[in-house]
Amino acid sequence: MIMITDNDIKKLKTVFATKEDLKMYATKEDLKKSASDTVVGLTEFIGEVYEKLYAKIDLILADNKDARNTLDTHERRIERFEEQVYTATSS
């Protein structure tokens, strides 16, 4: 029969972690909470980006509408001017 000696135990302590050694590592619960917090944080961040993006899109659409209105006004003025020039040269 083989007996384990104190020297064998000392050697094993250098190889295997003790309960105290393991306390500095995250537990399964710590990892679950961390993952949950990350998901919540990421969801909030995506919501904020979504709101900012749509606010900018609304501004772009408003600017586009203003530009389109100006273009329409210019087109109408050019058409009236062309009619006046055509009428003046035709007579």
Protein backbone atom coordinates (compact mmCIF):
# COMPACT_ATOMS: atom_id res chain seq x y z
CA MET A 1 0.00 0.00 0.00
CA ILE A 2 1.28 3.47 -0.90
CA MET A 3 1.09 6.20 1.71
CA ILE A 4 0.85 9.93 0.97
CA THR A 5 3.48 11.87 2.85
CA ASP A 6 3.58 15.49 3.97
CA ASN A 7 6.01 16.20 1.13
CA ASP A 8 3.50 14.79 -1.35
CA ILE A 9 0.80 17.10 0.05
CA LYS A 10 3.12 20.12 -0.19
CA LYS A 11 3.82 19.29 -3.85
CA LEU A 12 0.11 18.90 -4.55
CA LYS A 13 -0.65 22.29 -2.96
CA THR A 14 1.66 23.94 -5.47
CA VAL A 15 -0.19 22.31 -8.35
CA PHE A 16 -3.84 22.56 -7.29
CA ALA A 17 -5.74 25.69 -6.29
CA THR A 18 -7.09 26.05 -2.78
CA LYS A 19 -10.50 27.49 -1.86
CA GLU A 20 -8.76 30.76 -1.04
CA ASP A 21 -7.05 30.81 -4.42
CA LEU A 22 -10.38 30.30 -6.19
CA LYS A 23 -12.10 33.20 -4.40
CA MET A 24 -10.34 35.70 -6.65
CA TYR A 25 -12.02 34.22 -9.77
CA ALA A 26 -15.53 34.99 -10.94
CA THR A 27 -18.28 32.55 -10.07
CA LYS A 28 -20.99 31.34 -12.42
CA GLU A 29 -23.40 33.81 -10.79
CA ASP A 30 -20.92 36.67 -11.31
CA LEU A 31 -20.65 35.80 -14.99
CA LYS A 32 -24.43 35.58 -15.41
CA LYS A 33 -24.91 38.99 -13.76
CA SER A 34 -22.14 40.48 -15.87
CA ALA A 35 -23.69 39.11 -19.06
CA SER A 36 -27.12 40.38 -18.03
CA ASP A 37 -25.72 43.84 -17.25
CA THR A 38 -23.95 43.87 -20.62
CA VAL A 39 -27.15 43.01 -22.48
CA VAL A 40 -29.08 45.72 -20.64
CA GLY A 41 -26.36 48.28 -21.30
CA LEU A 42 -26.13 47.34 -24.95
CA THR A 43 -29.91 47.54 -25.36
CA GLU A 44 -29.95 51.01 -23.82
CA PHE A 45 -27.07 52.12 -26.04
CA ILE A 46 -28.82 50.84 -29.18
CA GLY A 47 -31.99 52.69 -28.14
CA GLU A 48 -30.05 55.94 -27.74
CA VAL A 49 -28.34 55.52 -31.13
CA TYR A 50 -31.71 54.72 -32.72
CA GLU A 51 -33.27 57.91 -31.31
CA LYS A 52 -30.34 60.08 -32.42
CA LEU A 53 -30.34 58.52 -35.88
CA TYR A 54 -34.03 59.13 -36.41
CA ALA A 55 -33.71 62.71 -35.14
CA LYS A 56 -31.00 63.32 -37.75
CA ILE A 57 -33.06 61.65 -40.46
CA ASP A 58 -35.98 63.94 -39.59
CA LEU A 59 -33.70 66.98 -39.95
CA ILE A 60 -32.43 65.75 -43.31
CA LEU A 61 -35.99 65.17 -44.53
CA ALA A 62 -37.03 68.64 -43.38
CA ASP A 63 -34.05 70.19 -45.19
CA ASN A 64 -34.88 68.16 -48.28
CA LYS A 65 -38.48 69.35 -48.17
CA ASP A 66 -37.33 72.97 -47.90
CA ALA A 67 -34.94 72.50 -50.82
CA ARG A 68 -37.69 70.87 -52.89
CA ASN A 69 -40.07 73.75 -52.15
CA THR A 70 -37.41 76.25 -53.25
CA LEU A 71 -36.75 74.25 -56.40
CA ASP A 72 -40.48 74.10 -57.18
CA THR A 73 -40.74 77.86 -56.73
CA HIS A 74 -37.79 78.43 -59.07
CA GLU A 75 -39.23 76.07 -61.66
CA ARG A 76 -42.57 77.95 -61.62
CA ARG A 77 -40.78 81.31 -61.97
CA ILE A 78 -38.70 80.02 -64.90
CA GLU A 79 -41.82 78.67 -66.62
CA ARG A 80 -43.59 82.04 -66.20
CA PHE A 81 -40.50 83.84 -67.49
CA GLU A 82 -40.29 81.51 -70.51
CA GLU A 83 -43.97 82.13 -71.25
CA GLN A 84 -43.40 85.90 -71.11
CA VAL A 85 -40.32 85.68 -73.34
CA TYR A 86 -42.06 83.36 -75.80
CA THR A 87 -45.16 85.57 -75.90
CA ALA A 88 -43.05 88.71 -76.40
CA THR A 89 -41.01 87.17 -79.23
CA SER A 90 -44.04 85.60 -80.90
CA SER A 91 -45.93 88.86 -81.25
